[in-house]
Amino acid sequence: MPGMSFEEAIETASRDESFKASVYAMNTLLIQKGVYTQAEFQLFFVEWVEKELRRKQGLDASALRSA
């Protein structure tokens, strides 16, 4: 058991750190319980980043066309 309580961790962490800790905790639980594998998580993580990059590139291109 960690030395810090959940309440102490919530009070200590910034908003961004709390979000990252929540994502870490949820993904760790889902992987450990066999809901999905690390490989599946990585696949969907890469998929999301690629979609975001394409979306941003599309926005950049449309901004250039309208300038």
PDB file of N, CA and C in Angstrom:
ATOM      1  N   MET A   1       0.851  -1.193   0.000  1.00  0.00           N
ATOM      2  CA  MET A   1       0.000   0.000   0.000  1.00  0.00           C
ATOM      3  C   MET A   1       0.886   1.243   0.000  1.00  0.00           C
ATOM      4  N   PRO A   2       0.581   2.207  -0.864  1.00  0.00           N
ATOM      5  CA  PRO A   2       1.369   3.432  -0.918  1.00  0.00           C
ATOM      6  C   PRO A   2       1.304   4.206   0.390  1.00  0.00           C
ATOM      7  N   GLY A   3       2.281   5.067   0.617  1.00  0.00           N
ATOM      8  CA  GLY A   3       2.334   5.855   1.837  1.00  0.00           C
ATOM      9  C   GLY A   3       1.355   7.018   1.845  1.00  0.00           C
ATOM     10  N   MET A   4       0.849   7.421   0.701  1.00  0.00           N
ATOM     11  CA  MET A   4      -0.044   8.566   0.591  1.00  0.00           C
ATOM     12  C   MET A   4      -1.478   8.072   0.436  1.00  0.00           C
ATOM     13  N   SER A   5      -2.404   8.743   1.119  1.00  0.00           N
ATOM     14  CA  SER A   5      -3.820   8.378   0.952  1.00  0.00           C
ATOM     15  C   SER A   5      -4.350   8.972  -0.346  1.00  0.00           C
ATOM     16  N   PHE A   6      -5.500   8.463  -0.789  1.00  0.00           N
ATOM     17  CA  PHE A   6      -6.132   8.984  -1.985  1.00  0.00           C
ATOM     18  C   PHE A   6      -6.455  10.472  -1.811  1.00  0.00           C
ATOM     19  N   GLU A   7      -6.969  10.838  -0.657  1.00  0.00           N
ATOM     20  CA  GLU A   7      -7.319  12.234  -0.387  1.00  0.00           C
ATOM     21  C   GLU A   7      -6.091  13.134  -0.456  1.00  0.00           C
ATOM     22  N   GLU A   8      -4.953  12.671   0.095  1.00  0.00           N
ATOM     23  CA  GLU A   8      -3.709  13.442   0.026  1.00  0.00           C
ATOM     24  C   GLU A   8      -3.240  13.594  -1.418  1.00  0.00           C
ATOM     25  N   ALA A   9      -3.374  12.526  -2.179  1.00  0.00           N
ATOM     26  CA  ALA A   9      -2.953  12.575  -3.579  1.00  0.00           C
ATOM     27  C   ALA A   9      -3.800  13.572  -4.361  1.00  0.00           C
ATOM     28  N   ILE A  10      -5.109  13.564  -4.132  1.00  0.00           N
ATOM     29  CA  ILE A  10      -6.018  14.505  -4.807  1.00  0.00           C
ATOM     30  C   ILE A  10      -5.642  15.943  -4.464  1.00  0.00           C
ATOM     31  N   GLU A  11      -5.357  16.193  -3.208  1.00  0.00           N
ATOM     32  CA  GLU A  11      -5.007  17.547  -2.773  1.00  0.00           C
ATOM     33  C   GLU A  11      -3.650  17.991  -3.318  1.00  0.00           C
ATOM     34  N   THR A  12      -2.740  17.054  -3.501  1.00  0.00           N
ATOM     35  CA  THR A  12      -1.376  17.361  -3.921  1.00  0.00           C
ATOM     36  C   THR A  12      -1.258  17.564  -5.426  1.00  0.00           C
ATOM     37  N   ALA A  13      -1.966  16.778  -6.186  1.00  0.00           N
ATOM     38  CA  ALA A  13      -1.826  16.778  -7.643  1.00  0.00           C
ATOM     39  C   ALA A  13      -2.501  18.001  -8.275  1.00  0.00           C
ATOM     40  N   SER A  14      -1.867  18.510  -9.333  1.00  0.00           N
ATOM     41  CA  SER A  14      -2.493  19.570 -10.117  1.00  0.00           C
ATOM     42  C   SER A  14      -3.655  18.960 -10.908  1.00  0.00           C
ATOM     43  N   ARG A  15      -4.411  19.794 -11.574  1.00  0.00           N
ATOM     44  CA  ARG A  15      -5.522  19.303 -12.392  1.00  0.00           C
ATOM     45  C   ARG A  15      -5.006  18.374 -13.490  1.00  0.00           C
ATOM     46  N   ASP A  16      -3.931  18.785 -14.158  1.00  0.00           N
ATOM     47  CA  ASP A  16      -3.336  17.985 -15.221  1.00  0.00           C
ATOM     48  C   ASP A  16      -2.790  16.665 -14.672  1.00  0.00           C
ATOM     49  N   GLU A  17      -2.122  16.721 -13.538  1.00  0.00           N
ATOM     50  CA  GLU A  17      -1.592  15.493 -12.920  1.00  0.00           C
ATOM     51  C   GLU A  17      -2.714  14.558 -12.489  1.00  0.00           C
ATOM     52  N   SER A  18      -3.806  15.128 -11.986  1.00  0.00           N
ATOM     53  CA  SER A  18      -4.952  14.300 -11.582  1.00  0.00           C
ATOM     54  C   SER A  18      -5.556  13.589 -12.779  1.00  0.00           C
ATOM     55  N   PHE A  19      -5.663  14.290 -13.908  1.00  0.00           N
ATOM     56  CA  PHE A  19      -6.184  13.667 -15.116  1.00  0.00           C
ATOM     57  C   PHE A  19      -5.267  12.531 -15.561  1.00  0.00           C
ATOM     58  N   LYS A  20      -3.960  12.782 -15.591  1.00  0.00           N
ATOM     59  CA  LYS A  20      -2.997  11.755 -15.996  1.00  0.00           C
ATOM     60  C   LYS A  20      -3.046  10.553 -15.052  1.00  0.00           C
ATOM     61  N   ALA A  21      -3.158  10.818 -13.759  1.00  0.00           N
ATOM     62  CA  ALA A  21      -3.233   9.727 -12.780  1.00  0.00           C
ATOM     63  C   ALA A  21      -4.507   8.909 -12.973  1.00  0.00           C
ATOM     64  N   SER A  22      -5.610   9.577 -13.296  1.00  0.00           N
ATOM     65  CA  SER A  22      -6.875   8.872 -13.530  1.00  0.00           C
ATOM     66  C   SER A  22      -6.780   7.970 -14.752  1.00  0.00           C
ATOM     67  N   VAL A  23      -6.212   8.487 -15.832  1.00  0.00           N
ATOM     68  CA  VAL A  23      -6.046   7.685 -17.046  1.00  0.00           C
ATOM     69  C   VAL A  23      -5.137   6.496 -16.768  1.00  0.00           C
ATOM     70  N   TYR A  24      -4.045   6.743 -16.066  1.00  0.00           N
ATOM     71  CA  TYR A  24      -3.111   5.665 -15.715  1.00  0.00           C
ATOM     72  C   TYR A  24      -3.818   4.594 -14.891  1.00  0.00           C
ATOM     73  N   ALA A  25      -4.553   5.013 -13.864  1.00  0.00           N
ATOM     74  CA  ALA A  25      -5.230   4.056 -12.981  1.00  0.00           C
ATOM     75  C   ALA A  25      -6.279   3.242 -13.737  1.00  0.00           C
ATOM     76  N   MET A  26      -7.083   3.923 -14.556  1.00  0.00           N
ATOM     77  CA  MET A  26      -8.125   3.206 -15.297  1.00  0.00           C
ATOM     78  C   MET A  26      -7.523   2.217 -16.292  1.00  0.00           C
ATOM     79  N   ASN A  27      -6.511   2.651 -17.033  1.00  0.00           N
ATOM     80  CA  ASN A  27      -5.899   1.751 -18.010  1.00  0.00           C
ATOM     81  C   ASN A  27      -5.203   0.576 -17.327  1.00  0.00           C
ATOM     82  N   THR A  28      -4.545   0.827 -16.217  1.00  0.00           N
ATOM     83  CA  THR A  28      -3.881  -0.247 -15.483  1.00  0.00           C
ATOM     84  C   THR A  28      -4.900  -1.281 -15.015  1.00  0.00           C
ATOM     85  N   LEU A  29      -6.015  -0.806 -14.452  1.00  0.00           N
ATOM     86  CA  LEU A  29      -7.063  -1.732 -14.003  1.00  0.00           C
ATOM     87  C   LEU A  29      -7.647  -2.530 -15.159  1.00  0.00           C
ATOM     88  N   LEU A  30      -7.950  -1.859 -16.260  1.00  0.00           N
ATOM     89  CA  LEU A  30      -8.556  -2.548 -17.405  1.00  0.00           C
ATOM     90  C   LEU A  30      -7.610  -3.592 -17.996  1.00  0.00           C
ATOM     91  N   ILE A  31      -6.334  -3.293 -18.049  1.00  0.00           N
ATOM     92  CA  ILE A  31      -5.355  -4.263 -18.559  1.00  0.00           C
ATOM     93  C   ILE A  31      -5.208  -5.426 -17.580  1.00  0.00           C
ATOM     94  N   GLN A  32      -5.073  -5.118 -16.287  1.00  0.00           N
ATOM     95  CA  GLN A  32      -4.909  -6.182 -15.291  1.00  0.00           C
ATOM     96  C   GLN A  32      -6.125  -7.094 -15.209  1.00  0.00           C
ATOM     97  N   LYS A  33      -7.302  -6.550 -15.427  1.00  0.00           N
ATOM     98  CA  LYS A  33      -8.528  -7.361 -15.373  1.00  0.00           C
ATOM     99  C   LYS A  33      -8.813  -8.061 -16.698  1.00  0.00           C
ATOM    100  N   GLY A  34      -7.966  -7.849 -17.678  1.00  0.00           N
ATOM    101  CA  GLY A  34      -8.104  -8.539 -18.954  1.00  0.00           C
ATOM    102  C   GLY A  34      -9.158  -7.967 -19.884  1.00  0.00           C
ATOM    103  N   VAL A  35      -9.601  -6.736 -19.626  1.00  0.00           N
ATOM    104  CA  VAL A  35     -10.592  -6.121 -20.498  1.00  0.00           C
ATOM    105  C   VAL A  35      -9.962  -5.843 -21.858  1.00  0.00           C
ATOM    106  N   TYR A  36      -8.714  -5.402 -21.848  1.00  0.00           N
ATOM    107  CA  TYR A  36      -7.943  -5.276 -23.082  1.00  0.00           C
ATOM    108  C   TYR A  36      -6.473  -5.459 -22.771  1.00  0.00           C
ATOM    109  N   THR A  37      -5.681  -5.664 -23.800  1.00  0.00           N
ATOM    110  CA  THR A  37      -4.248  -5.904 -23.636  1.00  0.00           C
ATOM    111  C   THR A  37      -3.475  -4.604 -23.838  1.00  0.00           C
ATOM    112  N   GLN A  38      -2.226  -4.622 -23.426  1.00  0.00           N
ATOM    113  CA  GLN A  38      -1.344  -3.478 -23.642  1.00  0.00           C
ATOM    114  C   GLN A  38      -1.229  -3.188 -25.139  1.00  0.00           C
ATOM    115  N   ALA A  39      -1.141  -4.244 -25.952  1.00  0.00           N
ATOM    116  CA  ALA A  39      -1.028  -4.072 -27.404  1.00  0.00           C
ATOM    117  C   ALA A  39      -2.278  -3.397 -27.968  1.00  0.00           C
ATOM    118  N   GLU A  40      -3.467  -3.788 -27.481  1.00  0.00           N
ATOM    119  CA  GLU A  40      -4.702  -3.150 -27.942  1.00  0.00           C
ATOM    120  C   GLU A  40      -4.733  -1.678 -27.535  1.00  0.00           C
ATOM    121  N   PHE A  41      -4.328  -1.388 -26.317  1.00  0.00           N
ATOM    122  CA  PHE A  41      -4.277   0.001 -25.861  1.00  0.00           C
ATOM    123  C   PHE A  41      -3.357   0.815 -26.759  1.00  0.00           C
ATOM    124  N   GLN A  42      -2.172   0.291 -27.038  1.00  0.00           N
ATOM    125  CA  GLN A  42      -1.210   1.012 -27.861  1.00  0.00           C
ATOM    126  C   GLN A  42      -1.748   1.234 -29.276  1.00  0.00           C
ATOM    127  N   LEU A  43      -2.430   0.249 -29.818  1.00  0.00           N
ATOM    128  CA  LEU A  43      -3.018   0.369 -31.147  1.00  0.00           C
ATOM    129  C   LEU A  43      -4.005   1.537 -31.192  1.00  0.00           C
ATOM    130  N   PHE A  44      -4.910   1.603 -30.227  1.00  0.00           N
ATOM    131  CA  PHE A  44      -5.912   2.671 -30.219  1.00  0.00           C
ATOM    132  C   PHE A  44      -5.308   4.026 -29.862  1.00  0.00           C
ATOM    133  N   PHE A  45      -4.271   4.028 -29.058  1.00  0.00           N
ATOM    134  CA  PHE A  45      -3.569   5.274 -28.742  1.00  0.00           C
ATOM    135  C   PHE A  45      -2.969   5.863 -30.016  1.00  0.00           C
ATOM    136  N   VAL A  46      -2.255   5.031 -30.768  1.00  0.00           N
ATOM    137  CA  VAL A  46      -1.650   5.476 -32.030  1.00  0.00           C
ATOM    138  C   VAL A  46      -2.733   5.917 -33.008  1.00  0.00           C
ATOM    139  N   GLU A  47      -3.818   5.161 -33.086  1.00  0.00           N
ATOM    140  CA  GLU A  47      -4.925   5.510 -33.978  1.00  0.00           C
ATOM    141  C   GLU A  47      -5.460   6.902 -33.663  1.00  0.00           C
ATOM    142  N   TRP A  48      -5.663   7.204 -32.388  1.00  0.00           N
ATOM    143  CA  TRP A  48      -6.187   8.506 -31.978  1.00  0.00           C
ATOM    144  C   TRP A  48      -5.214   9.624 -32.341  1.00  0.00           C
ATOM    145  N   VAL A  49      -3.927   9.431 -32.063  1.00  0.00           N
ATOM    146  CA  VAL A  49      -2.928  10.462 -32.370  1.00  0.00           C
ATOM    147  C   VAL A  49      -2.874  10.713 -33.872  1.00  0.00           C
ATOM    148  N   GLU A  50      -2.904   9.656 -34.668  1.00  0.00           N
ATOM    149  CA  GLU A  50      -2.886   9.815 -36.127  1.00  0.00           C
ATOM    150  C   GLU A  50      -4.107  10.596 -36.618  1.00  0.00           C
ATOM    151  N   LYS A  51      -5.286  10.291 -36.065  1.00  0.00           N
ATOM    152  CA  LYS A  51      -6.507  11.017 -36.445  1.00  0.00           C
ATOM    153  C   LYS A  51      -6.386  12.494 -36.093  1.00  0.00           C
ATOM    154  N   GLU A  52      -5.864  12.777 -34.908  1.00  0.00           N
ATOM    155  CA  GLU A  52      -5.701  14.167 -34.481  1.00  0.00           C
ATOM    156  C   GLU A  52      -4.721  14.910 -35.379  1.00  0.00           C
ATOM    157  N   LEU A  53      -3.640  14.255 -35.754  1.00  0.00           N
ATOM    158  CA  LEU A  53      -2.665  14.891 -36.648  1.00  0.00           C
ATOM    159  C   LEU A  53      -3.291  15.199 -38.000  1.00  0.00           C
ATOM    160  N   ARG A  54      -4.060  14.252 -38.533  1.00  0.00           N
ATOM    161  CA  ARG A  54      -4.738  14.494 -39.815  1.00  0.00           C
ATOM    162  C   ARG A  54      -5.739  15.638 -39.685  1.00  0.00           C
ATOM    163  N   ARG A  55      -6.468  15.662 -38.581  1.00  0.00           N
ATOM    164  CA  ARG A  55      -7.447  16.730 -38.351  1.00  0.00           C
ATOM    165  C   ARG A  55      -6.748  18.086 -38.278  1.00  0.00           C
ATOM    166  N   LYS A  56      -5.667  18.164 -37.527  1.00  0.00           N
ATOM    167  CA  LYS A  56      -4.927  19.424 -37.398  1.00  0.00           C
ATOM    168  C   LYS A  56      -4.322  19.849 -38.725  1.00  0.00           C
ATOM    169  N   GLN A  57      -3.807  18.891 -39.481  1.00  0.00           N
ATOM    170  CA  GLN A  57      -3.240  19.215 -40.793  1.00  0.00           C
ATOM    171  C   GLN A  57      -4.334  19.727 -41.718  1.00  0.00           C
ATOM    172  N   GLY A  58      -5.511  19.148 -41.640  1.00  0.00           N
ATOM    173  CA  GLY A  58      -6.636  19.615 -42.438  1.00  0.00           C
ATOM    174  C   GLY A  58      -7.049  21.022 -42.055  1.00  0.00           C
ATOM    175  N   LEU A  59      -7.039  21.313 -40.761  1.00  0.00           N
ATOM    176  CA  LEU A  59      -7.374  22.657 -40.305  1.00  0.00           C
ATOM    177  C   LEU A  59      -6.319  23.651 -40.769  1.00  0.00           C
ATOM    178  N   ASP A  60      -5.049  23.270 -40.694  1.00  0.00           N
ATOM    179  CA  ASP A  60      -3.970  24.139 -41.145  1.00  0.00           C
ATOM    180  C   ASP A  60      -4.092  24.433 -42.625  1.00  0.00           C
ATOM    181  N   ALA A  61      -4.405  23.404 -43.423  1.00  0.00           N
ATOM    182  CA  ALA A  61      -4.523  23.580 -44.866  1.00  0.00           C
ATOM    183  C   ALA A  61      -5.696  24.483 -45.209  1.00  0.00           C
ATOM    184  N   SER A  62      -6.823  24.327 -44.498  1.00  0.00           N
ATOM    185  CA  SER A  62      -7.988  25.165 -44.797  1.00  0.00           C
ATOM    186  C   SER A  62      -7.742  26.610 -44.361  1.00  0.00           C
ATOM    187  N   ALA A  63      -6.960  26.807 -43.316  1.00  0.00           N
ATOM    188  CA  ALA A  63      -6.617  28.162 -42.882  1.00  0.00           C
ATOM    189  C   ALA A  63      -5.740  28.851 -43.918  1.00  0.00           C
ATOM    190  N   LEU A  64      -4.837  28.093 -44.540  1.00  0.00           N
ATOM    191  CA  LEU A  64      -3.973  28.657 -45.580  1.00  0.00           C
ATOM    192  C   LEU A  64      -4.790  29.040 -46.812  1.00  0.00           C
ATOM    193  N   ARG A  65      -5.778  28.214 -47.161  1.00  0.00           N
ATOM    194  CA  ARG A  65      -6.605  28.479 -48.345  1.00  0.00           C
ATOM    195  C   ARG A  65      -7.470  29.739 -48.146  1.00  0.00           C
ATOM    196  N   SER A  66      -7.925  29.964 -46.922  1.00  0.00           N
ATOM    197  CA  SER A  66      -8.796  31.106 -46.687  1.00  0.00           C
ATOM    198  C   SER A  66      -8.022  32.389 -46.435  1.00  0.00           C
ATOM    199  N   ALA A  67      -6.714  32.303 -46.329  1.00  0.00           N
ATOM    200  CA  ALA A  67      -5.892  33.510 -46.066  1.00  0.00           C
ATOM    201  C   ALA A  67      -5.620  34.288 -47.333  1.00  0.00           C
TER     202      ALA A  67
END
